[in-house]
PDB file of N, CA and C in Angstrom:
ATOM      1  N   MET A   1      36.059 192.060 152.931  1.00  0.00           N
ATOM      2  CA  MET A   1      36.046 190.806 152.224  1.00  0.00           C
ATOM      3  C   MET A   1      35.586 190.995 150.783  1.00  0.00           C
ATOM      4  N   LEU A   2      34.574 191.795 150.618  1.00  0.00           N
ATOM      5  CA  LEU A   2      34.056 192.039 149.280  1.00  0.00           C
ATOM      6  C   LEU A   2      35.091 192.748 148.417  1.00  0.00           C
ATOM      7  N   SER A   3      35.848 193.659 148.981  1.00  0.00           N
ATOM      8  CA  SER A   3      36.825 194.398 148.187  1.00  0.00           C
ATOM      9  C   SER A   3      37.942 193.491 147.675  1.00  0.00           C
ATOM     10  N   ILE A   4      38.340 192.500 148.463  1.00  0.00           N
ATOM     11  CA  ILE A   4      39.368 191.563 148.002  1.00  0.00           C
ATOM     12  C   ILE A   4      38.833 190.734 146.843  1.00  0.00           C
ATOM     13  N   SER A   5      37.593 190.322 146.917  1.00  0.00           N
ATOM     14  CA  SER A   5      36.982 189.558 145.828  1.00  0.00           C
ATOM     15  C   SER A   5      36.923 190.372 144.551  1.00  0.00           C
ATOM     16  N   VAL A   6      36.597 191.647 144.684  1.00  0.00           N
ATOM     17  CA  VAL A   6      36.527 192.526 143.521  1.00  0.00           C
ATOM     18  C   VAL A   6      37.908 192.699 142.906  1.00  0.00           C
ATOM     19  N   VAL A   7      38.936 192.831 143.742  1.00  0.00           N
ATOM     20  CA  VAL A   7      40.309 192.979 143.244  1.00  0.00           C
ATOM     21  C   VAL A   7      40.712 191.723 142.463  1.00  0.00           C
ATOM     22  N   PHE A   8      40.429 190.549 143.031  1.00  0.00           N
ATOM     23  CA  PHE A   8      40.770 189.309 142.339  1.00  0.00           C
ATOM     24  C   PHE A   8      39.968 189.148 141.045  1.00  0.00           C
ATOM     25  N   LEU A   9      38.749 189.588 141.021  1.00  0.00           N
ATOM     26  CA  LEU A   9      37.940 189.531 139.813  1.00  0.00           C
ATOM     27  C   LEU A   9      38.553 190.386 138.714  1.00  0.00           C
ATOM     28  N   PHE A  10      38.931 191.623 139.061  1.00  0.00           N
ATOM     29  CA  PHE A  10      39.544 192.509 138.070  1.00  0.00           C
ATOM     30  C   PHE A  10      40.907 191.988 137.632  1.00  0.00           C
ATOM     31  N   LEU A  11      41.659 191.433 138.563  1.00  0.00           N
ATOM     32  CA  LEU A  11      42.950 190.852 138.211  1.00  0.00           C
ATOM     33  C   LEU A  11      42.766 189.684 137.243  1.00  0.00           C
ATOM     34  N   GLY A  12      41.796 188.835 137.516  1.00  0.00           N
ATOM     35  CA  GLY A  12      41.503 187.707 136.630  1.00  0.00           C
ATOM     36  C   GLY A  12      41.075 188.161 135.248  1.00  0.00           C
ATOM     37  N   LEU A  13      40.249 189.200 135.199  1.00  0.00           N
ATOM     38  CA  LEU A  13      39.808 189.730 133.907  1.00  0.00           C
ATOM     39  C   LEU A  13      40.977 190.329 133.133  1.00  0.00           C
ATOM     40  N   ALA A  14      41.883 190.991 133.851  1.00  0.00           N
ATOM     41  CA  ALA A  14      43.052 191.586 133.184  1.00  0.00           C
ATOM     42  C   ALA A  14      43.940 190.493 132.587  1.00  0.00           C
ATOM     43  N   VAL A  15      44.170 189.431 133.330  1.00  0.00           N
ATOM     44  CA  VAL A  15      44.988 188.315 132.830  1.00  0.00           C
ATOM     45  C   VAL A  15      44.308 187.670 131.625  1.00  0.00           C
ATOM     46  N   LEU A  16      43.012 187.448 131.708  1.00  0.00           N
ATOM     47  CA  LEU A  16      42.262 186.867 130.599  1.00  0.00           C
ATOM     48  C   LEU A  16      42.354 187.745 129.348  1.00  0.00           C
ATOM     49  N   ALA A  17      42.204 189.051 129.528  1.00  0.00           N
ATOM     50  CA  ALA A  17      42.291 189.976 128.394  1.00  0.00           C
ATOM     51  C   ALA A  17      43.680 189.922 127.762  1.00  0.00           C
ATOM     52  N   PHE A  18      44.712 189.837 128.604  1.00  0.00           N
ATOM     53  CA  PHE A  18      46.084 189.764 128.089  1.00  0.00           C
ATOM     54  C   PHE A  18      46.257 188.532 127.202  1.00  0.00           C
ATOM     55  N   PHE A  19      45.824 187.364 127.692  1.00  0.00           N
ATOM     56  CA  PHE A  19      45.987 186.138 126.915  1.00  0.00           C
ATOM     57  C   PHE A  19      45.114 186.124 125.668  1.00  0.00           C
ATOM     58  N   GLN A  20      43.950 186.719 125.729  1.00  0.00           N
ATOM     59  CA  GLN A  20      43.108 186.805 124.532  1.00  0.00           C
ATOM     60  C   GLN A  20      43.782 187.681 123.484  1.00  0.00           C
ATOM     61  N   PHE A  21      44.410 188.760 123.922  1.00  0.00           N
ATOM     62  CA  PHE A  21      45.125 189.639 122.997  1.00  0.00           C
ATOM     63  C   PHE A  21      46.277 188.894 122.335  1.00  0.00           C
ATOM     64  N   ARG A  22      47.066 188.121 123.136  1.00  0.00           N
ATOM     65  CA  ARG A  22      48.190 187.360 122.579  1.00  0.00           C
ATOM     66  C   ARG A  22      47.681 186.309 121.579  1.00  0.00           C
ATOM     67  N   LEU A  23      46.593 185.647 121.912  1.00  0.00           N
ATOM     68  CA  LEU A  23      46.015 184.646 121.028  1.00  0.00           C
ATOM     69  C   LEU A  23      45.525 185.296 119.738  1.00  0.00           C
ATOM     70  N   PHE A  24      44.890 186.457 119.840  1.00  0.00           N
ATOM     71  CA  PHE A  24      44.421 187.165 118.655  1.00  0.00           C
ATOM     72  C   PHE A  24      45.587 187.511 117.742  1.00  0.00           C
ATOM     73  N   LYS A  25      46.693 187.992 118.328  1.00  0.00           N
ATOM     74  CA  LYS A  25      47.874 188.320 117.526  1.00  0.00           C
ATOM     75  C   LYS A  25      48.399 187.082 116.817  1.00  0.00           C
ATOM     76  N   LEU A  26      48.426 185.961 117.513  1.00  0.00           N
ATOM     77  CA  LEU A  26      48.928 184.728 116.932  1.00  0.00           C
ATOM     78  C   LEU A  26      48.020 184.237 115.811  1.00  0.00           C
ATOM     79  N   ILE A  27      46.718 184.262 116.028  1.00  0.00           N
ATOM     80  CA  ILE A  27      45.765 183.844 114.999  1.00  0.00           C
ATOM     81  C   ILE A  27      45.871 184.738 113.773  1.00  0.00           C
ATOM     82  N   ARG A  28      46.021 186.031 113.999  1.00  0.00           N
ATOM     83  CA  ARG A  28      46.138 186.971 112.887  1.00  0.00           C
ATOM     84  C   ARG A  28      47.376 186.660 112.045  1.00  0.00           C
ATOM     85  N   LYS A  29      48.462 186.231 112.681  1.00  0.00           N
ATOM     86  CA  LYS A  29      49.685 185.923 111.955  1.00  0.00           C
ATOM     87  C   LYS A  29      49.551 184.661 111.108  1.00  0.00           C
ATOM     88  N   VAL A  30      48.636 183.798 111.439  1.00  0.00           N
ATOM     89  CA  VAL A  30      48.464 182.569 110.679  1.00  0.00           C
ATOM     90  C   VAL A  30      47.531 182.782 109.491  1.00  0.00           C
ATOM     91  N   GLY A  31      47.058 183.986 109.309  1.00  0.00           N
ATOM     92  CA  GLY A  31      46.160 184.322 108.213  1.00  0.00           C
ATOM     93  C   GLY A  31      46.852 184.325 106.867  1.00  0.00           C
ATOM     94  N   PRO A  32      46.337 185.106 105.903  1.00  0.00           N
ATOM     95  CA  PRO A  32      46.854 185.092 104.534  1.00  0.00           C
ATOM     96  C   PRO A  32      48.312 185.512 104.411  1.00  0.00           C
ATOM     97  N   ASP A  33      48.802 186.326 105.355  1.00  0.00           N
ATOM     98  CA  ASP A  33      50.184 186.796 105.271  1.00  0.00           C
ATOM     99  C   ASP A  33      51.116 185.970 106.143  1.00  0.00           C
ATOM    100  N   ALA A  34      50.761 184.748 106.446  1.00  0.00           N
ATOM    101  CA  ALA A  34      51.525 183.924 107.381  1.00  0.00           C
ATOM    102  C   ALA A  34      52.963 183.695 106.920  1.00  0.00           C
ATOM    103  N   ASN A  35      53.210 183.611 105.622  1.00  0.00           N
ATOM    104  CA  ASN A  35      54.554 183.329 105.135  1.00  0.00           C
ATOM    105  C   ASN A  35      55.568 184.381 105.540  1.00  0.00           C
ATOM    106  N   LYS A  36      55.126 185.617 105.697  1.00  0.00           N
ATOM    107  CA  LYS A  36      56.088 186.647 106.081  1.00  0.00           C
ATOM    108  C   LYS A  36      56.486 186.534 107.543  1.00  0.00           C
ATOM    109  N   HIS A  37      55.862 185.617 108.302  1.00  0.00           N
ATOM    110  CA  HIS A  37      56.181 185.423 109.711  1.00  0.00           C
ATOM    111  C   HIS A  37      56.873 184.086 109.954  1.00  0.00           C
ATOM    112  N   SER A  38      57.424 183.497 108.897  1.00  0.00           N
ATOM    113  CA  SER A  38      58.113 182.234 109.086  1.00  0.00           C
ATOM    114  C   SER A  38      59.413 182.470 109.866  1.00  0.00           C
ATOM    115  N   PHE A  39      59.962 181.410 110.376  1.00  0.00           N
ATOM    116  CA  PHE A  39      61.124 181.488 111.254  1.00  0.00           C
ATOM    117  C   PHE A  39      62.350 182.023 110.525  1.00  0.00           C
ATOM    118  N   SER A  40      63.034 182.966 111.150  1.00  0.00           N
ATOM    119  CA  SER A  40      64.266 183.530 110.619  1.00  0.00           C
ATOM    120  C   SER A  40      65.400 183.240 111.598  1.00  0.00           C
ATOM    121  N   ILE A  41      66.370 182.453 111.157  1.00  0.00           N
ATOM    122  CA  ILE A  41      67.529 182.143 111.996  1.00  0.00           C
ATOM    123  C   ILE A  41      68.259 183.437 112.362  1.00  0.00           C
ATOM    124  N   GLU A  42      68.359 184.345 111.407  1.00  0.00           N
ATOM    125  CA  GLU A  42      69.068 185.610 111.655  1.00  0.00           C
ATOM    126  C   GLU A  42      68.398 186.411 112.776  1.00  0.00           C
ATOM    127  N   HIS A  43      67.074 186.506 112.723  1.00  0.00           N
ATOM    128  CA  HIS A  43      66.357 187.254 113.758  1.00  0.00           C
ATOM    129  C   HIS A  43      66.511 186.566 115.117  1.00  0.00           C
ATOM    130  N   ALA A  44      66.360 185.249 115.142  1.00  0.00           N
ATOM    131  CA  ALA A  44      66.511 184.502 116.391  1.00  0.00           C
ATOM    132  C   ALA A  44      67.921 184.665 116.948  1.00  0.00           C
ATOM    133  N   SER A  45      68.907 184.597 116.074  1.00  0.00           N
ATOM    134  CA  SER A  45      70.292 184.748 116.501  1.00  0.00           C
ATOM    135  C   SER A  45      70.545 186.138 117.089  1.00  0.00           C
ATOM    136  N   ASN A  46      70.000 187.156 116.456  1.00  0.00           N
ATOM    137  CA  ASN A  46      70.164 188.521 116.967  1.00  0.00           C
ATOM    138  C   ASN A  46      69.512 188.680 118.337  1.00  0.00           C
ATOM    139  N   LEU A  47      68.321 188.126 118.519  1.00  0.00           N
ATOM    140  CA  LEU A  47      67.662 188.194 119.821  1.00  0.00           C
ATOM    141  C   LEU A  47      68.509 187.500 120.883  1.00  0.00           C
ATOM    142  N   TYR A  48      69.064 186.352 120.530  1.00  0.00           N
ATOM    143  CA  TYR A  48      69.901 185.599 121.471  1.00  0.00           C
ATOM    144  C   TYR A  48      71.162 186.394 121.828  1.00  0.00           C
ATOM    145  N   LYS A  49      71.833 186.913 120.810  1.00  0.00           N
ATOM    146  CA  LYS A  49      73.076 187.668 121.030  1.00  0.00           C
ATOM    147  C   LYS A  49      72.847 188.907 121.884  1.00  0.00           C
ATOM    148  N   CYS A  50      71.669 189.507 121.761  1.00  0.00           N
ATOM    149  CA  CYS A  50      71.341 190.707 122.538  1.00  0.00           C
ATOM    150  C   CYS A  50      70.811 190.375 123.935  1.00  0.00           C
ATOM    151  N   GLY A  51      70.689 189.095 124.236  1.00  0.00           N
ATOM    152  CA  GLY A  51      70.202 188.699 125.551  1.00  0.00           C
ATOM    153  C   GLY A  51      68.708 188.890 125.735  1.00  0.00           C
ATOM    154  N   GLU A  52      67.985 188.988 124.636  1.00  0.00           N
ATOM    155  CA  GLU A  52      66.526 189.179 124.672  1.00  0.00           C
ATOM    156  C   GLU A  52      65.845 187.805 124.702  1.00  0.00           C
ATOM    157  N   PHE A  53      66.036 187.080 125.805  1.00  0.00           N
ATOM    158  CA  PHE A  53      65.575 185.696 125.868  1.00  0.00           C
ATOM    159  C   PHE A  53      64.049 185.583 125.918  1.00  0.00           C
ATOM    160  N   THR A  54      63.390 186.509 126.592  1.00  0.00           N
ATOM    161  CA  THR A  54      61.931 186.472 126.631  1.00  0.00           C
ATOM    162  C   THR A  54      61.366 186.719 125.236  1.00  0.00           C
ATOM    163  N   GLU A  55      61.908 187.705 124.537  1.00  0.00           N
ATOM    164  CA  GLU A  55      61.462 187.975 123.164  1.00  0.00           C
ATOM    165  C   GLU A  55      61.772 186.797 122.252  1.00  0.00           C
ATOM    166  N   LEU A  56      62.934 186.177 122.453  1.00  0.00           N
ATOM    167  CA  LEU A  56      63.301 185.006 121.648  1.00  0.00           C
ATOM    168  C   LEU A  56      62.312 183.880 121.864  1.00  0.00           C
ATOM    169  N   LYS A  57      61.968 183.618 123.126  1.00  0.00           N
ATOM    170  CA  LYS A  57      61.016 182.553 123.428  1.00  0.00           C
ATOM    171  C   LYS A  57      59.641 182.870 122.834  1.00  0.00           C
ATOM    172  N   ASP A  58      59.208 184.124 122.917  1.00  0.00           N
ATOM    173  CA  ASP A  58      57.920 184.518 122.330  1.00  0.00           C
ATOM    174  C   ASP A  58      57.943 184.370 120.811  1.00  0.00           C
ATOM    175  N   TYR A  59      59.022 184.843 120.197  1.00  0.00           N
ATOM    176  CA  TYR A  59      59.158 184.754 118.741  1.00  0.00           C
ATOM    177  C   TYR A  59      59.113 183.286 118.284  1.00  0.00           C
ATOM    178  N   CYS A  60      59.860 182.435 118.976  1.00  0.00           N
ATOM    179  CA  CYS A  60      59.899 181.022 118.613  1.00  0.00           C
ATOM    180  C   CYS A  60      58.539 180.357 118.816  1.00  0.00           C
ATOM    181  N   ALA A  61      57.845 180.739 119.874  1.00  0.00           N
ATOM    182  CA  ALA A  61      56.513 180.169 120.128  1.00  0.00           C
ATOM    183  C   ALA A  61      55.558 180.523 118.996  1.00  0.00           C
ATOM    184  N   GLU A  62      55.642 181.741 118.491  1.00  0.00           N
ATOM    185  CA  GLU A  62      54.789 182.147 117.370  1.00  0.00           C
ATOM    186  C   GLU A  62      55.153 181.392 116.098  1.00  0.00           C
ATOM    187  N   CYS A  63      56.437 181.200 115.865  1.00  0.00           N
ATOM    188  CA  CYS A  63      56.886 180.502 114.659  1.00  0.00           C
ATOM    189  C   CYS A  63      56.591 179.008 114.721  1.00  0.00           C
ATOM    190  N   LEU A  64      56.504 178.470 115.919  1.00  0.00           N
ATOM    191  CA  LEU A  64      56.260 177.038 116.092  1.00  0.00           C
ATOM    192  C   LEU A  64      54.939 176.611 115.460  1.00  0.00           C
ATOM    193  N   VAL A  65      53.975 177.515 115.423  1.00  0.00           N
ATOM    194  CA  VAL A  65      52.679 177.214 114.815  1.00  0.00           C
ATOM    195  C   VAL A  65      52.855 176.925 113.320  1.00  0.00           C
ATOM    196  N   LEU A  66      53.732 177.663 112.689  1.00  0.00           N
ATOM    197  CA  LEU A  66      53.931 177.528 111.249  1.00  0.00           C
ATOM    198  C   LEU A  66      54.987 176.492 110.870  1.00  0.00           C
ATOM    199  N   SER A  67      55.949 176.282 111.770  1.00  0.00           N
ATOM    200  CA  SER A  67      57.079 175.405 111.445  1.00  0.00           C
ATOM    201  C   SER A  67      57.375 174.448 112.591  1.00  0.00           C
ATOM    202  N   PRO A  68      56.458 173.544 112.901  1.00  0.00           N
ATOM    203  CA  PRO A  68      56.661 172.685 114.074  1.00  0.00           C
ATOM    204  C   PRO A  68      57.811 171.697 113.946  1.00  0.00           C
ATOM    205  N   ASN A  69      58.309 171.482 112.735  1.00  0.00           N
ATOM    206  CA  ASN A  69      59.387 170.513 112.533  1.00  0.00           C
ATOM    207  C   ASN A  69      60.677 171.156 112.043  1.00  0.00           C
ATOM    208  N   ASP A  70      60.880 172.401 112.393  1.00  0.00           N
ATOM    209  CA  ASP A  70      62.102 173.117 112.014  1.00  0.00           C
ATOM    210  C   ASP A  70      63.151 172.878 113.105  1.00  0.00           C
ATOM    211  N   ASP A  71      64.223 172.171 112.757  1.00  0.00           N
ATOM    212  CA  ASP A  71      65.246 171.856 113.752  1.00  0.00           C
ATOM    213  C   ASP A  71      65.932 173.100 114.301  1.00  0.00           C
ATOM    214  N   HIS A  72      66.137 174.107 113.446  1.00  0.00           N
ATOM    215  CA  HIS A  72      66.758 175.348 113.917  1.00  0.00           C
ATOM    216  C   HIS A  72      65.856 176.079 114.905  1.00  0.00           C
ATOM    217  N   LEU A  73      64.574 176.059 114.653  1.00  0.00           N
ATOM    218  CA  LEU A  73      63.612 176.688 115.561  1.00  0.00           C
ATOM    219  C   LEU A  73      63.679 176.018 116.934  1.00  0.00           C
ATOM    220  N   HIS A  74      63.680 174.700 116.967  1.00  0.00           N
ATOM    221  CA  HIS A  74      63.770 173.995 118.246  1.00  0.00           C
ATOM    222  C   HIS A  74      65.121 174.228 118.920  1.00  0.00           C
ATOM    223  N   TRP A  75      66.166 174.395 118.111  1.00  0.00           N
ATOM    224  CA  TRP A  75      67.483 174.706 118.666  1.00  0.00           C
ATOM    225  C   TRP A  75      67.444 176.052 119.406  1.00  0.00           C
ATOM    226  N   TYR A  76      66.845 177.054 118.784  1.00  0.00           N
ATOM    227  CA  TYR A  76      66.774 178.373 119.426  1.00  0.00           C
ATOM    228  C   TYR A  76      65.818 178.372 120.623  1.00  0.00           C
ATOM    229  N   ILE A  77      64.790 177.557 120.577  1.00  0.00           N
ATOM    230  CA  ILE A  77      63.939 177.399 121.764  1.00  0.00           C
ATOM    231  C   ILE A  77      64.793 176.821 122.891  1.00  0.00           C
ATOM    232  N   ALA A  78      65.611 175.839 122.558  1.00  0.00           N
ATOM    233  CA  ALA A  78      66.458 175.180 123.556  1.00  0.00           C
ATOM    234  C   ALA A  78      67.470 176.139 124.170  1.00  0.00           C
ATOM    235  N   ILE A  79      68.218 176.848 123.335  1.00  0.00           N
ATOM    236  CA  ILE A  79      69.264 177.712 123.904  1.00  0.00           C
ATOM    237  C   ILE A  79      68.674 178.950 124.575  1.00  0.00           C
ATOM    238  N   GLY A  80      67.528 179.404 124.090  1.00  0.00           N
ATOM    239  CA  GLY A  80      66.858 180.531 124.746  1.00  0.00           C
ATOM    240  C   GLY A  80      66.381 180.156 126.137  1.00  0.00           C
ATOM    241  N   ASN A  81      65.774 178.977 126.257  1.00  0.00           N
ATOM    242  CA  ASN A  81      65.331 178.505 127.566  1.00  0.00           C
ATOM    243  C   ASN A  81      66.514 178.188 128.470  1.00  0.00           C
ATOM    244  N   TYR A  82      67.584 177.653 127.907  1.00  0.00           N
ATOM    245  CA  TYR A  82      68.785 177.359 128.688  1.00  0.00           C
ATOM    246  C   TYR A  82      69.349 178.651 129.271  1.00  0.00           C
ATOM    247  N   ALA A  83      69.464 179.662 128.432  1.00  0.00           N
ATOM    248  CA  ALA A  83      70.011 180.944 128.884  1.00  0.00           C
ATOM    249  C   ALA A  83      69.101 181.614 129.918  1.00  0.00           C
ATOM    250  N   ALA A  84      67.800 181.367 129.798  1.00  0.00           N
ATOM    251  CA  ALA A  84      66.841 181.948 130.741  1.00  0.00           C
ATOM    252  C   ALA A  84      66.718 181.112 132.018  1.00  0.00           C
ATOM    253  N   GLY A  85      67.397 179.950 132.054  1.00  0.00           N
ATOM    254  CA  GLY A  85      67.401 179.122 133.248  1.00  0.00           C
ATOM    255  C   GLY A  85      66.277 178.106 133.328  1.00  0.00           C
ATOM    256  N   ASP A  86      65.524 177.937 132.257  1.00  0.00           N
ATOM    257  CA  ASP A  86      64.442 176.955 132.258  1.00  0.00           C
ATOM    258  C   ASP A  86      64.970 175.651 131.664  1.00  0.00           C
ATOM    259  N   LEU A  87      65.549 174.842 132.545  1.00  0.00           N
ATOM    260  CA  LEU A  87      66.265 173.650 132.106  1.00  0.00           C
ATOM    261  C   LEU A  87      65.355 172.583 131.513  1.00  0.00           C
ATOM    262  N   LEU A  88      64.177 172.398 132.086  1.00  0.00           N
ATOM    263  CA  LEU A  88      63.271 171.361 131.580  1.00  0.00           C
ATOM    264  C   LEU A  88      62.840 171.655 130.142  1.00  0.00           C
ATOM    265  N   LEU A  89      62.396 172.888 129.884  1.00  0.00           N
ATOM    266  CA  LEU A  89      61.996 173.241 128.517  1.00  0.00           C
ATOM    267  C   LEU A  89      63.181 173.199 127.568  1.00  0.00           C
ATOM    268  N   SER A  90      64.341 173.589 128.064  1.00  0.00           N
ATOM    269  CA  SER A  90      65.544 173.542 127.239  1.00  0.00           C
ATOM    270  C   SER A  90      65.859 172.107 126.831  1.00  0.00           C
ATOM    271  N   LYS A  91      65.835 171.207 127.797  1.00  0.00           N
ATOM    272  CA  LYS A  91      66.130 169.803 127.517  1.00  0.00           C
ATOM    273  C   LYS A  91      65.141 169.216 126.514  1.00  0.00           C
ATOM    274  N   GLN A  92      63.854 169.519 126.710  1.00  0.00           N
ATOM    275  CA  GLN A  92      62.829 169.018 125.789  1.00  0.00           C
ATOM    276  C   GLN A  92      63.073 169.529 124.370  1.00  0.00           C
ATOM    277  N   ALA A  93      63.429 170.801 124.250  1.00  0.00           N
ATOM    278  CA  ALA A  93      63.652 171.379 122.916  1.00  0.00           C
ATOM    279  C   ALA A  93      64.910 170.813 122.264  1.00  0.00           C
ATOM    280  N   PHE A  94      65.976 170.599 123.056  1.00  0.00           N
ATOM    281  CA  PHE A  94      67.180 169.970 122.490  1.00  0.00           C
ATOM    282  C   PHE A  94      66.841 168.573 121.960  1.00  0.00           C
ATOM    283  N   LEU A  95      66.101 167.810 122.747  1.00  0.00           N
ATOM    284  CA  LEU A  95      65.748 166.458 122.320  1.00  0.00           C
ATOM    285  C   LEU A  95      64.859 166.475 121.078  1.00  0.00           C
ATOM    286  N   LYS A  96      63.955 167.450 120.986  1.00  0.00           N
ATOM    287  CA  LYS A  96      63.102 167.574 119.795  1.00  0.00           C
ATOM    288  C   LYS A  96      63.961 167.934 118.578  1.00  0.00           C
ATOM    289  N   ALA A  97      64.891 168.875 118.739  1.00  0.00           N
ATOM    290  CA  ALA A  97      65.775 169.270 117.637  1.00  0.00           C
ATOM    291  C   ALA A  97      66.586 168.078 117.150  1.00  0.00           C
ATOM    292  N   ILE A  98      67.091 167.279 118.093  1.00  0.00           N
ATOM    293  CA  ILE A  98      67.875 166.093 117.730  1.00  0.00           C
ATOM    294  C   ILE A  98      67.003 165.054 117.027  1.00  0.00           C
ATOM    295  N   SER A  99      65.740 164.917 117.476  1.00  0.00           N
ATOM    296  CA  SER A  99      64.867 163.940 116.825  1.00  0.00           C
ATOM    297  C   SER A  99      64.557 164.336 115.382  1.00  0.00           C
ATOM    298  N   ILE A 100      64.548 165.634 115.121  1.00  0.00           N
ATOM    299  CA  ILE A 100      64.311 166.121 113.755  1.00  0.00           C
ATOM    300  C   ILE A 100      65.588 166.021 112.923  1.00  0.00           C
ATOM    301  N   ASN A 101      66.708 166.393 113.557  1.00  0.00           N
ATOM    302  CA  ASN A 101      67.988 166.396 112.857  1.00  0.00           C
ATOM    303  C   ASN A 101      69.049 165.753 113.756  1.00  0.00           C
ATOM    304  N   PRO A 102      69.296 164.455 113.602  1.00  0.00           N
ATOM    305  CA  PRO A 102      70.257 163.755 114.458  1.00  0.00           C
ATOM    306  C   PRO A 102      71.669 164.340 114.406  1.00  0.00           C
ATOM    307  N   ASN A 103      71.987 165.089 113.363  1.00  0.00           N
ATOM    308  CA  ASN A 103      73.309 165.714 113.263  1.00  0.00           C
ATOM    309  C   ASN A 103      73.547 166.760 114.350  1.00  0.00           C
ATOM    310  N   LEU A 104      72.483 167.198 115.023  1.00  0.00           N
ATOM    311  CA  LEU A 104      72.631 168.196 116.093  1.00  0.00           C
ATOM    312  C   LEU A 104      73.035 167.579 117.427  1.00  0.00           C
ATOM    313  N   LYS A 105      73.058 166.250 117.492  1.00  0.00           N
ATOM    314  CA  LYS A 105      73.319 165.579 118.768  1.00  0.00           C
ATOM    315  C   LYS A 105      74.669 165.980 119.368  1.00  0.00           C
ATOM    316  N   ARG A 106      75.679 166.015 118.563  1.00  0.00           N
ATOM    317  CA  ARG A 106      77.020 166.363 119.072  1.00  0.00           C
ATOM    318  C   ARG A 106      77.045 167.780 119.629  1.00  0.00           C
ATOM    319  N   GLU A 107      76.409 168.722 118.922  1.00  0.00           N
ATOM    320  CA  GLU A 107      76.383 170.110 119.374  1.00  0.00           C
ATOM    321  C   GLU A 107      75.555 170.271 120.650  1.00  0.00           C
ATOM    322  N   ALA A 108      74.493 169.489 120.767  1.00  0.00           N
ATOM    323  CA  ALA A 108      73.605 169.602 121.923  1.00  0.00           C
ATOM    324  C   ALA A 108      74.142 168.854 123.138  1.00  0.00           C
ATOM    325  N   GLN A 109      75.078 167.952 122.920  1.00  0.00           N
ATOM    326  CA  GLN A 109      75.541 167.079 123.998  1.00  0.00           C
ATOM    327  C   GLN A 109      76.077 167.863 125.204  1.00  0.00           C
ATOM    328  N   ALA A 110      76.859 168.891 124.990  1.00  0.00           N
ATOM    329  CA  ALA A 110      77.420 169.667 126.103  1.00  0.00           C
ATOM    330  C   ALA A 110      76.309 170.323 126.924  1.00  0.00           C
ATOM    331  N   TYR A 111      75.322 170.870 126.238  1.00  0.00           N
ATOM    332  CA  TYR A 111      74.184 171.466 126.941  1.00  0.00           C
ATOM    333  C   TYR A 111      73.435 170.411 127.761  1.00  0.00           C
ATOM    334  N   LEU A 112      73.160 169.272 127.134  1.00  0.00           N
ATOM    335  CA  LEU A 112      72.398 168.222 127.809  1.00  0.00           C
ATOM    336  C   LEU A 112      73.155 167.673 129.020  1.00  0.00           C
ATOM    337  N   GLU A 113      74.473 167.546 128.902  1.00  0.00           N
ATOM    338  CA  GLU A 113      75.269 167.092 130.040  1.00  0.00           C
ATOM    339  C   GLU A 113      75.211 168.106 131.185  1.00  0.00           C
ATOM    340  N   GLU A 114      75.309 169.373 130.862  1.00  0.00           N
ATOM    341  CA  GLU A 114      75.238 170.422 131.891  1.00  0.00           C
ATOM    342  C   GLU A 114      73.860 170.442 132.544  1.00  0.00           C
ATOM    343  N   ILE A 115      72.826 170.282 131.755  1.00  0.00           N
ATOM    344  CA  ILE A 115      71.458 170.235 132.302  1.00  0.00           C
ATOM    345  C   ILE A 115      71.324 169.051 133.261  1.00  0.00           C
ATOM    346  N   THR A 116      71.862 167.897 132.867  1.00  0.00           N
ATOM    347  CA  THR A 116      71.802 166.712 133.722  1.00  0.00           C
ATOM    348  C   THR A 116      72.538 166.952 135.036  1.00  0.00           C
ATOM    349  N   LEU A 117      73.717 167.562 134.974  1.00  0.00           N
ATOM    350  CA  LEU A 117      74.468 167.879 136.192  1.00  0.00           C
ATOM    351  C   LEU A 117      73.678 168.822 137.101  1.00  0.00           C
ATOM    352  N   GLN A 118      73.057 169.819 136.507  1.00  0.00           N
ATOM    353  CA  GLN A 118      72.271 170.757 137.305  1.00  0.00           C
ATOM    354  C   GLN A 118      71.040 170.083 137.901  1.00  0.00           C
ATOM    355  N   GLU A 119      70.435 169.169 137.165  1.00  0.00           N
ATOM    356  CA  GLU A 119      69.281 168.423 137.694  1.00  0.00           C
ATOM    357  C   GLU A 119      69.694 167.581 138.897  1.00  0.00           C
ATOM    358  N   VAL A 120      70.867 166.957 138.818  1.00  0.00           N
ATOM    359  CA  VAL A 120      71.378 166.144 139.924  1.00  0.00           C
ATOM    360  C   VAL A 120      71.618 167.030 141.149  1.00  0.00           C
ATOM    361  N   GLU A 121      72.212 168.192 140.931  1.00  0.00           N
ATOM    362  CA  GLU A 121      72.464 169.115 142.041  1.00  0.00           C
ATOM    363  C   GLU A 121      71.163 169.584 142.692  1.00  0.00           C
ATOM    364  N   ILE A 122      70.172 169.849 141.874  1.00  0.00           N
ATOM    365  CA  ILE A 122      68.869 170.283 142.396  1.00  0.00           C
ATOM    366  C   ILE A 122      68.246 169.177 143.232  1.00  0.00           C
ATOM    367  N   LYS A 123      68.342 167.940 142.754  1.00  0.00           N
ATOM    368  CA  LYS A 123      67.780 166.802 143.506  1.00  0.00           C
ATOM    369  C   LYS A 123      68.512 166.628 144.831  1.00  0.00           C
ATOM    370  N   LYS A 124      69.852 166.776 144.833  1.00  0.00           N
ATOM    371  CA  LYS A 124      70.616 166.680 146.072  1.00  0.00           C
ATOM    372  C   LYS A 124      70.177 167.748 147.063  1.00  0.00           C
ATOM    373  N   TYR A 125      69.998 168.941 146.554  1.00  0.00           N
ATOM    374  CA  TYR A 125      69.642 170.070 147.403  1.00  0.00           C
ATOM    375  C   TYR A 125      68.238 169.885 147.996  1.00  0.00           C
ATOM    376  N   ASN A 126      67.330 169.305 147.222  1.00  0.00           N
ATOM    377  CA  ASN A 126      65.942 169.135 147.676  1.00  0.00           C
ATOM    378  C   ASN A 126      65.779 167.964 148.650  1.00  0.00           C
ATOM    379  N   HIS A 127      66.780 167.089 148.737  1.00  0.00           N
ATOM    380  CA  HIS A 127      66.651 165.952 149.672  1.00  0.00           C
ATOM    381  C   HIS A 127      67.374 166.245 150.910  1.00  0.00           C
TER     382      HIS A 127
END
């Protein structure tokens, strides 16, 4: 019994250390050199094209601190989450992008319709 508790303690400490490291990296980027870490559509597009959805989501999360109202940033959060299968986050990001730039509504409509269809199918399956 004691050995299982020790394993969970070390596992918890490892997870905590990981998140502290990620937070430290993020805080460091918001320092004096923060401008060099602003959102790049080209970089986001390359990550998306290469299928690096986890890296894309991480990159966008870091940029969100500096550019919370960038419609392109929210667009890439949306399509990255969509491609990774996270429909709820994708839908939220599409709606945020549209709220910032209503001109994106037409482009996002096909994604939002597909997300709605998949949500309906999931609800049918769960009942």
